[in-house]
PDB file of N, CA and C in Angstrom:
ATOM      1  N   MET A   1     -67.758-157.080  35.904  1.00  0.00           N
ATOM      2  CA  MET A   1     -68.541-158.084  35.254  1.00  0.00           C
ATOM      3  C   MET A   1     -68.785-157.918  33.838  1.00  0.00           C
ATOM      4  N   HIS A   2     -68.836-159.340  33.034  1.00  0.00           N
ATOM      5  CA  HIS A   2     -69.085-159.530  32.084  1.00  0.00           C
ATOM      6  C   HIS A   2     -70.582-158.633  31.748  1.00  0.00           C
ATOM      7  N   VAL A   3     -70.412-157.917  30.413  1.00  0.00           N
ATOM      8  CA  VAL A   3     -71.423-156.950  30.167  1.00  0.00           C
ATOM      9  C   VAL A   3     -72.712-158.022  30.079  1.00  0.00           C
ATOM     10  N   SER A   4     -72.599-159.122  29.074  1.00  0.00           N
ATOM     11  CA  SER A   4     -73.504-159.949  28.492  1.00  0.00           C
ATOM     12  C   SER A   4     -74.058-161.013  29.422  1.00  0.00           C
ATOM     13  N   THR A   5     -72.976-161.622  30.145  1.00  0.00           N
ATOM     14  CA  THR A   5     -73.417-163.069  30.880  1.00  0.00           C
ATOM     15  C   THR A   5     -73.488-162.648  32.173  1.00  0.00           C
ATOM     16  N   GLY A   6     -72.832-161.348  32.799  1.00  0.00           N
ATOM     17  CA  GLY A   6     -73.021-160.978  34.347  1.00  0.00           C
ATOM     18  C   GLY A   6     -71.688-161.909  34.976  1.00  0.00           C
ATOM     19  N   ALA A   7     -70.844-162.499  34.359  1.00  0.00           N
ATOM     20  CA  ALA A   7     -69.743-163.244  35.046  1.00  0.00           C
ATOM     21  C   ALA A   7     -68.940-162.301  35.308  1.00  0.00           C
ATOM     22  N   ASN A   8     -67.794-162.756  36.193  1.00  0.00           N
ATOM     23  CA  ASN A   8     -66.646-161.734  36.456  1.00  0.00           C
ATOM     24  C   ASN A   8     -65.675-161.914  35.581  1.00  0.00           C
ATOM     25  N   ASN A   9     -64.766-160.903  35.299  1.00  0.00           N
ATOM     26  CA  ASN A   9     -64.100-161.050  34.035  1.00  0.00           C
ATOM     27  C   ASN A   9     -62.490-161.133  34.722  1.00  0.00           C
ATOM     28  N   GLN A  10     -61.661-161.702  34.235  1.00  0.00           N
ATOM     29  CA  GLN A  10     -59.970-161.857  34.452  1.00  0.00           C
ATOM     30  C   GLN A  10     -59.500-160.633  33.462  1.00  0.00           C
ATOM     31  N   ASP A  11     -59.511-159.362  33.656  1.00  0.00           N
ATOM     32  CA  ASP A  11     -58.701-158.406  32.772  1.00  0.00           C
ATOM     33  C   ASP A  11     -57.569-158.546  32.764  1.00  0.00           C
ATOM     34  N   GLU A  12     -56.825-158.149  31.873  1.00  0.00           N
ATOM     35  CA  GLU A  12     -55.457-158.076  31.937  1.00  0.00           C
ATOM     36  C   GLU A  12     -55.338-156.620  30.898  1.00  0.00           C
ATOM     37  N   VAL A  13     -54.852-155.665  31.660  1.00  0.00           N
ATOM     38  CA  VAL A  13     -54.368-154.373  30.420  1.00  0.00           C
ATOM     39  C   VAL A  13     -52.915-154.101  30.529  1.00  0.00           C
ATOM     40  N   LYS A  14     -52.671-154.129  29.099  1.00  0.00           N
ATOM     41  CA  LYS A  14     -51.511-153.563  28.499  1.00  0.00           C
ATOM     42  C   LYS A  14     -51.288-152.507  27.663  1.00  0.00           C
ATOM     43  N   GLY A  15     -50.735-151.554  28.483  1.00  0.00           N
ATOM     44  CA  GLY A  15     -50.356-150.191  27.762  1.00  0.00           C
ATOM     45  C   GLY A  15     -49.010-150.180  27.085  1.00  0.00           C
ATOM     46  N   GLN A  16     -49.032-149.653  25.594  1.00  0.00           N
ATOM     47  CA  GLN A  16     -47.832-149.725  24.812  1.00  0.00           C
ATOM     48  C   GLN A  16     -48.117-148.444  24.198  1.00  0.00           C
ATOM     49  N   ALA A  17     -46.758-147.917  23.856  1.00  0.00           N
ATOM     50  CA  ALA A  17     -46.553-146.682  22.979  1.00  0.00           C
ATOM     51  C   ALA A  17     -46.879-146.834  21.912  1.00  0.00           C
ATOM     52  N   VAL A  18     -47.649-145.640  21.298  1.00  0.00           N
ATOM     53  CA  VAL A  18     -48.470-145.833  19.773  1.00  0.00           C
ATOM     54  C   VAL A  18     -47.041-146.305  18.768  1.00  0.00           C
ATOM     55  N   GLY A  19     -47.557-147.021  18.077  1.00  0.00           N
ATOM     56  CA  GLY A  19     -46.348-147.381  16.937  1.00  0.00           C
ATOM     57  C   GLY A  19     -45.387-148.655  17.681  1.00  0.00           C
ATOM     58  N   ALA A  20     -45.670-148.979  18.779  1.00  0.00           N
ATOM     59  CA  ALA A  20     -44.999-150.220  19.195  1.00  0.00           C
ATOM     60  C   ALA A  20     -45.237-151.594  18.396  1.00  0.00           C
ATOM     61  N   MET A  21     -44.290-152.175  18.148  1.00  0.00           N
ATOM     62  CA  MET A  21     -44.600-153.497  17.483  1.00  0.00           C
ATOM     63  C   MET A  21     -44.589-154.864  18.216  1.00  0.00           C
ATOM     64  N   THR A  22     -44.527-155.035  19.555  1.00  0.00           N
ATOM     65  CA  THR A  22     -44.932-155.958  20.387  1.00  0.00           C
ATOM     66  C   THR A  22     -45.483-155.510  21.649  1.00  0.00           C
ATOM     67  N   VAL A  23     -46.171-156.572  22.145  1.00  0.00           N
ATOM     68  CA  VAL A  23     -46.706-156.273  23.620  1.00  0.00           C
ATOM     69  C   VAL A  23     -46.343-157.801  24.494  1.00  0.00           C
ATOM     70  N   THR A  24     -45.549-157.542  25.381  1.00  0.00           N
ATOM     71  CA  THR A  24     -45.381-158.775  26.597  1.00  0.00           C
ATOM     72  C   THR A  24     -46.376-159.410  27.335  1.00  0.00           C
ATOM     73  N   VAL A  25     -46.450-160.451  27.204  1.00  0.00           N
ATOM     74  CA  VAL A  25     -47.667-161.158  28.203  1.00  0.00           C
ATOM     75  C   VAL A  25     -46.991-162.323  28.959  1.00  0.00           C
ATOM     76  N   THR A  26     -46.927-162.493  30.133  1.00  0.00           N
ATOM     77  CA  THR A  26     -46.251-163.392  30.964  1.00  0.00           C
ATOM     78  C   THR A  26     -47.204-164.694  31.067  1.00  0.00           C
ATOM     79  N   LYS A  27     -46.297-165.693  31.129  1.00  0.00           N
ATOM     80  CA  LYS A  27     -46.799-167.132  31.010  1.00  0.00           C
ATOM     81  C   LYS A  27     -48.016-167.229  31.733  1.00  0.00           C
ATOM     82  N   ASN A  28     -48.147-166.675  33.036  1.00  0.00           N
ATOM     83  CA  ASN A  28     -49.218-166.681  33.999  1.00  0.00           C
ATOM     84  C   ASN A  28     -50.603-165.968  33.532  1.00  0.00           C
ATOM     85  N   GLU A  29     -50.396-165.083  32.632  1.00  0.00           N
ATOM     86  CA  GLU A  29     -51.339-164.279  32.210  1.00  0.00           C
ATOM     87  C   GLU A  29     -51.948-164.812  30.990  1.00  0.00           C
ATOM     88  N   ILE A  30     -51.071-165.963  30.245  1.00  0.00           N
ATOM     89  CA  ILE A  30     -51.530-166.653  29.035  1.00  0.00           C
ATOM     90  C   ILE A  30     -52.161-167.821  29.585  1.00  0.00           C
ATOM     91  N   LEU A  31     -51.970-168.636  30.696  1.00  0.00           N
ATOM     92  CA  LEU A  31     -52.434-169.660  31.252  1.00  0.00           C
ATOM     93  C   LEU A  31     -53.783-169.341  31.562  1.00  0.00           C
ATOM     94  N   THR A  32     -53.850-168.185  32.468  1.00  0.00           N
ATOM     95  CA  THR A  32     -55.174-167.698  33.233  1.00  0.00           C
ATOM     96  C   THR A  32     -56.309-167.709  31.790  1.00  0.00           C
ATOM     97  N   ALA A  33     -55.725-167.062  30.883  1.00  0.00           N
ATOM     98  CA  ALA A  33     -56.394-166.772  29.600  1.00  0.00           C
ATOM     99  C   ALA A  33     -57.092-168.141  29.232  1.00  0.00           C
ATOM    100  N   LEU A  34     -56.159-169.229  28.862  1.00  0.00           N
ATOM    101  CA  LEU A  34     -56.529-170.444  28.539  1.00  0.00           C
ATOM    102  C   LEU A  34     -57.487-171.174  29.344  1.00  0.00           C
ATOM    103  N   ASN A  35     -57.038-171.096  30.354  1.00  0.00           N
ATOM    104  CA  ASN A  35     -58.056-171.578  31.652  1.00  0.00           C
ATOM    105  C   ASN A  35     -59.483-171.204  32.065  1.00  0.00           C
ATOM    106  N   LYS A  36     -59.423-169.866  31.754  1.00  0.00           N
ATOM    107  CA  LYS A  36     -60.676-169.156  32.041  1.00  0.00           C
ATOM    108  C   LYS A  36     -61.020-168.548  30.741  1.00  0.00           C
ATOM    109  N   PRO A  37     -61.406-168.893  29.413  1.00  0.00           N
ATOM    110  CA  PRO A  37     -61.524-168.570  28.146  1.00  0.00           C
ATOM    111  C   PRO A  37     -62.583-167.021  28.054  1.00  0.00           C
ATOM    112  N   ASP A  38     -63.703-167.878  28.730  1.00  0.00           N
ATOM    113  CA  ASP A  38     -65.015-167.025  28.877  1.00  0.00           C
ATOM    114  C   ASP A  38     -65.076-165.905  29.459  1.00  0.00           C
ATOM    115  N   GLU A  39     -63.916-165.959  30.216  1.00  0.00           N
ATOM    116  CA  GLU A  39     -63.766-164.644  31.769  1.00  0.00           C
ATOM    117  C   GLU A  39     -62.845-163.899  31.275  1.00  0.00           C
ATOM    118  N   PHE A  40     -62.007-164.241  30.559  1.00  0.00           N
ATOM    119  CA  PHE A  40     -60.420-163.449  30.246  1.00  0.00           C
ATOM    120  C   PHE A  40     -60.541-162.246  29.270  1.00  0.00           C
ATOM    121  N   ILE A  41     -60.325-160.951  29.492  1.00  0.00           N
ATOM    122  CA  ILE A  41     -60.350-159.885  28.477  1.00  0.00           C
ATOM    123  C   ILE A  41     -58.830-159.409  28.389  1.00  0.00           C
ATOM    124  N   LEU A  42     -58.407-159.537  27.157  1.00  0.00           N
ATOM    125  CA  LEU A  42     -56.955-158.742  27.472  1.00  0.00           C
ATOM    126  C   LEU A  42     -57.088-157.441  26.763  1.00  0.00           C
ATOM    127  N   ALA A  43     -57.111-156.309  27.466  1.00  0.00           N
ATOM    128  CA  ALA A  43     -57.248-155.067  27.144  1.00  0.00           C
ATOM    129  C   ALA A  43     -55.939-154.363  26.382  1.00  0.00           C
ATOM    130  N   LEU A  44     -55.901-153.742  25.107  1.00  0.00           N
ATOM    131  CA  LEU A  44     -54.724-153.048  25.100  1.00  0.00           C
ATOM    132  C   LEU A  44     -54.930-151.826  24.913  1.00  0.00           C
ATOM    133  N   VAL A  45     -53.847-150.667  25.288  1.00  0.00           N
ATOM    134  CA  VAL A  45     -54.182-149.454  25.490  1.00  0.00           C
ATOM    135  C   VAL A  45     -53.238-148.714  24.959  1.00  0.00           C
ATOM    136  N   GLU A  46     -53.010-147.963  23.632  1.00  0.00           N
ATOM    137  CA  GLU A  46     -52.005-147.254  23.245  1.00  0.00           C
ATOM    138  C   GLU A  46     -51.906-146.149  24.105  1.00  0.00           C
ATOM    139  N   VAL A  47     -50.663-145.661  24.128  1.00  0.00           N
ATOM    140  CA  VAL A  47     -50.532-144.259  24.899  1.00  0.00           C
ATOM    141  C   VAL A  47     -49.559-143.475  23.788  1.00  0.00           C
ATOM    142  N   ASP A  48     -50.011-142.139  23.695  1.00  0.00           N
ATOM    143  CA  ASP A  48     -49.750-141.129  22.520  1.00  0.00           C
ATOM    144  C   ASP A  48     -49.645-139.838  23.445  1.00  0.00           C
ATOM    145  N   ASN A  49     -48.215-139.468  23.855  1.00  0.00           N
ATOM    146  CA  ASN A  49     -47.739-138.348  24.424  1.00  0.00           C
ATOM    147  C   ASN A  49     -48.440-137.903  25.899  1.00  0.00           C
ATOM    148  N   GLY A  50     -48.370-139.506  26.758  1.00  0.00           N
ATOM    149  CA  GLY A  50     -48.628-139.349  27.765  1.00  0.00           C
ATOM    150  C   GLY A  50     -50.351-139.730  28.087  1.00  0.00           C
ATOM    151  N   MET A  51     -51.127-139.675  27.010  1.00  0.00           N
ATOM    152  CA  MET A  51     -52.547-139.841  26.918  1.00  0.00           C
ATOM    153  C   MET A  51     -52.898-141.267  26.315  1.00  0.00           C
ATOM    154  N   ALA A  52     -53.545-141.805  27.176  1.00  0.00           N
ATOM    155  CA  ALA A  52     -54.475-143.097  26.819  1.00  0.00           C
ATOM    156  C   ALA A  52     -55.385-142.953  25.599  1.00  0.00           C
ATOM    157  N   ARG A  53     -55.463-143.728  24.698  1.00  0.00           N
ATOM    158  CA  ARG A  53     -56.276-143.776  23.581  1.00  0.00           C
ATOM    159  C   ARG A  53     -57.285-144.786  24.375  1.00  0.00           C
ATOM    160  N   GLU A  54     -58.526-144.864  23.437  1.00  0.00           N
ATOM    161  CA  GLU A  54     -59.596-146.046  23.926  1.00  0.00           C
ATOM    162  C   GLU A  54     -58.946-147.423  23.897  1.00  0.00           C
ATOM    163  N   PRO A  55     -59.386-148.329  24.893  1.00  0.00           N
ATOM    164  CA  PRO A  55     -59.036-149.508  24.990  1.00  0.00           C
ATOM    165  C   PRO A  55     -59.445-150.491  23.708  1.00  0.00           C
ATOM    166  N   VAL A  56     -58.858-151.419  23.132  1.00  0.00           N
ATOM    167  CA  VAL A  56     -59.018-152.418  22.425  1.00  0.00           C
ATOM    168  C   VAL A  56     -59.177-153.870  23.263  1.00  0.00           C
ATOM    169  N   TYR A  57     -60.599-154.431  23.066  1.00  0.00           N
ATOM    170  CA  TYR A  57     -60.342-155.457  23.888  1.00  0.00           C
ATOM    171  C   TYR A  57     -60.214-156.692  22.852  1.00  0.00           C
ATOM    172  N   VAL A  58     -59.706-157.650  23.555  1.00  0.00           N
ATOM    173  CA  VAL A  58     -59.526-158.815  22.560  1.00  0.00           C
ATOM    174  C   VAL A  58     -59.898-160.171  23.509  1.00  0.00           C
ATOM    175  N   LEU A  59     -60.556-160.774  22.890  1.00  0.00           N
ATOM    176  CA  LEU A  59     -61.225-162.136  23.646  1.00  0.00           C
ATOM    177  C   LEU A  59     -60.517-163.055  23.242  1.00  0.00           C
ATOM    178  N   ARG A  60     -60.334-164.261  23.927  1.00  0.00           N
ATOM    179  CA  ARG A  60     -59.555-165.478  23.378  1.00  0.00           C
ATOM    180  C   ARG A  60     -58.292-165.106  22.744  1.00  0.00           C
ATOM    181  N   PRO A  61     -57.546-164.381  23.383  1.00  0.00           N
ATOM    182  CA  PRO A  61     -56.258-163.937  22.731  1.00  0.00           C
ATOM    183  C   PRO A  61     -55.115-165.007  22.199  1.00  0.00           C
ATOM    184  N   PHE A  62     -55.025-165.942  23.010  1.00  0.00           N
ATOM    185  CA  PHE A  62     -54.210-166.910  23.012  1.00  0.00           C
ATOM    186  C   PHE A  62     -54.565-168.395  22.700  1.00  0.00           C
ATOM    187  N   GLN A  63     -53.646-169.315  22.008  1.00  0.00           N
ATOM    188  CA  GLN A  63     -54.343-170.548  21.585  1.00  0.00           C
ATOM    189  C   GLN A  63     -53.580-171.424  21.967  1.00  0.00           C
ATOM    190  N   LYS A  64     -52.335-171.371  22.612  1.00  0.00           N
ATOM    191  CA  LYS A  64     -51.576-172.399  23.023  1.00  0.00           C
ATOM    192  C   LYS A  64     -50.963-172.071  24.602  1.00  0.00           C
ATOM    193  N   GLU A  65     -50.594-172.813  25.289  1.00  0.00           N
ATOM    194  CA  GLU A  65     -49.588-172.923  26.180  1.00  0.00           C
ATOM    195  C   GLU A  65     -48.176-172.424  25.966  1.00  0.00           C
ATOM    196  N   PRO A  66     -47.289-171.572  26.460  1.00  0.00           N
ATOM    197  CA  PRO A  66     -45.957-171.466  26.217  1.00  0.00           C
ATOM    198  C   PRO A  66     -45.463-172.835  26.878  1.00  0.00           C
ATOM    199  N   ASP A  67     -43.860-172.946  26.294  1.00  0.00           N
ATOM    200  CA  ASP A  67     -43.229-173.999  26.510  1.00  0.00           C
ATOM    201  C   ASP A  67     -43.116-173.926  28.022  1.00  0.00           C
ATOM    202  N   PHE A  68     -42.442-175.005  28.276  1.00  0.00           N
ATOM    203  CA  PHE A  68     -42.077-175.176  30.115  1.00  0.00           C
ATOM    204  C   PHE A  68     -41.495-174.177  30.778  1.00  0.00           C
ATOM    205  N   GLY A  69     -40.199-173.823  29.725  1.00  0.00           N
ATOM    206  CA  GLY A  69     -39.409-173.000  30.601  1.00  0.00           C
ATOM    207  C   GLY A  69     -39.390-171.271  30.295  1.00  0.00           C
ATOM    208  N   VAL A  70     -40.565-171.231  29.385  1.00  0.00           N
ATOM    209  CA  VAL A  70     -40.800-169.897  29.108  1.00  0.00           C
ATOM    210  C   VAL A  70     -41.622-169.054  30.458  1.00  0.00           C
ATOM    211  N   THR A  71     -41.129-167.657  30.403  1.00  0.00           N
ATOM    212  CA  THR A  71     -41.699-166.974  31.214  1.00  0.00           C
ATOM    213  C   THR A  71     -42.703-165.773  30.736  1.00  0.00           C
ATOM    214  N   SER A  72     -42.285-165.033  29.490  1.00  0.00           N
ATOM    215  CA  SER A  72     -43.145-164.109  28.881  1.00  0.00           C
ATOM    216  C   SER A  72     -42.964-164.706  27.326  1.00  0.00           C
ATOM    217  N   VAL A  73     -44.031-164.236  26.861  1.00  0.00           N
ATOM    218  CA  VAL A  73     -43.855-164.112  25.111  1.00  0.00           C
ATOM    219  C   VAL A  73     -44.260-162.999  24.698  1.00  0.00           C
ATOM    220  N   ASN A  74     -43.624-162.431  23.495  1.00  0.00           N
ATOM    221  CA  ASN A  74     -43.570-161.035  22.902  1.00  0.00           C
ATOM    222  C   ASN A  74     -44.967-161.549  21.758  1.00  0.00           C
ATOM    223  N   TYR A  75     -45.904-160.936  21.738  1.00  0.00           N
ATOM    224  CA  TYR A  75     -46.924-160.821  20.486  1.00  0.00           C
ATOM    225  C   TYR A  75     -46.576-159.735  19.887  1.00  0.00           C
ATOM    226  N   ALA A  76     -47.086-159.790  18.600  1.00  0.00           N
ATOM    227  CA  ALA A  76     -47.231-158.727  17.442  1.00  0.00           C
ATOM    228  C   ALA A  76     -48.163-158.026  17.801  1.00  0.00           C
ATOM    229  N   LEU A  77     -48.181-156.993  18.024  1.00  0.00           N
ATOM    230  CA  LEU A  77     -49.283-155.961  18.635  1.00  0.00           C
ATOM    231  C   LEU A  77     -50.108-155.323  17.547  1.00  0.00           C
ATOM    232  N   PRO A  78     -49.876-155.041  16.317  1.00  0.00           N
ATOM    233  CA  PRO A  78     -50.776-154.935  15.427  1.00  0.00           C
ATOM    234  C   PRO A  78     -51.743-156.152  14.895  1.00  0.00           C
ATOM    235  N   GLU A  79     -51.100-157.381  15.201  1.00  0.00           N
ATOM    236  CA  GLU A  79     -51.871-158.702  15.070  1.00  0.00           C
ATOM    237  C   GLU A  79     -53.188-158.636  15.920  1.00  0.00           C
ATOM    238  N   LEU A  80     -52.778-158.198  17.309  1.00  0.00           N
ATOM    239  CA  LEU A  80     -53.882-158.399  18.394  1.00  0.00           C
ATOM    240  C   LEU A  80     -54.897-157.260  18.113  1.00  0.00           C
ATOM    241  N   LEU A  81     -54.160-155.876  17.890  1.00  0.00           N
ATOM    242  CA  LEU A  81     -55.241-154.830  17.724  1.00  0.00           C
ATOM    243  C   LEU A  81     -56.006-155.196  16.584  1.00  0.00           C
ATOM    244  N   ALA A  82     -55.597-155.831  15.561  1.00  0.00           N
ATOM    245  CA  ALA A  82     -56.703-155.996  14.327  1.00  0.00           C
ATOM    246  C   ALA A  82     -57.624-157.098  14.678  1.00  0.00           C
ATOM    247  N   ARG A  83     -57.344-158.098  15.853  1.00  0.00           N
ATOM    248  CA  ARG A  83     -58.110-159.018  16.490  1.00  0.00           C
ATOM    249  C   ARG A  83     -58.974-158.790  17.369  1.00  0.00           C
ATOM    250  N   GLY A  84     -59.036-157.371  18.021  1.00  0.00           N
ATOM    251  CA  GLY A  84     -59.788-156.719  18.816  1.00  0.00           C
ATOM    252  C   GLY A  84     -61.073-155.896  18.361  1.00  0.00           C
ATOM    253  N   GLU A  85     -61.502-155.284  19.475  1.00  0.00           N
ATOM    254  CA  GLU A  85     -62.921-154.723  19.330  1.00  0.00           C
ATOM    255  C   GLU A  85     -62.984-153.488  20.634  1.00  0.00           C
ATOM    256  N   ALA A  86     -63.806-152.464  20.072  1.00  0.00           N
ATOM    257  CA  ALA A  86     -63.909-151.489  21.016  1.00  0.00           C
ATOM    258  C   ALA A  86     -64.886-151.832  22.019  1.00  0.00           C
ATOM    259  N   PRO A  87     -64.568-151.062  23.337  1.00  0.00           N
ATOM    260  CA  PRO A  87     -65.368-151.784  24.482  1.00  0.00           C
ATOM    261  C   PRO A  87     -66.953-151.389  23.858  1.00  0.00           C
ATOM    262  N   ALA A  88     -67.845-152.046  24.631  1.00  0.00           N
ATOM    263  CA  ALA A  88     -69.336-152.092  24.141  1.00  0.00           C
ATOM    264  C   ALA A  88     -69.996-150.574  25.010  1.00  0.00           C
TER     265      ALA A  88
END
């Protein structure tokens, strides 16, 4: 449930090693985010020596649809992390 609106969220969690430069997102995940922008949260979790750090939530993480033949897209992880926020 979305904390402020009560709506159901479509969350996607991506775990990456600390220091990773990219995160891969599938075309379907991107399309879901674009079709339900107020319900989609991309949660990024850095993993350090097998321990998960606090997640970073990115709202409205994607701006456009991938091309027709694309199956996944690599995004710059540091840029996404910079746009995110800690859980409320």
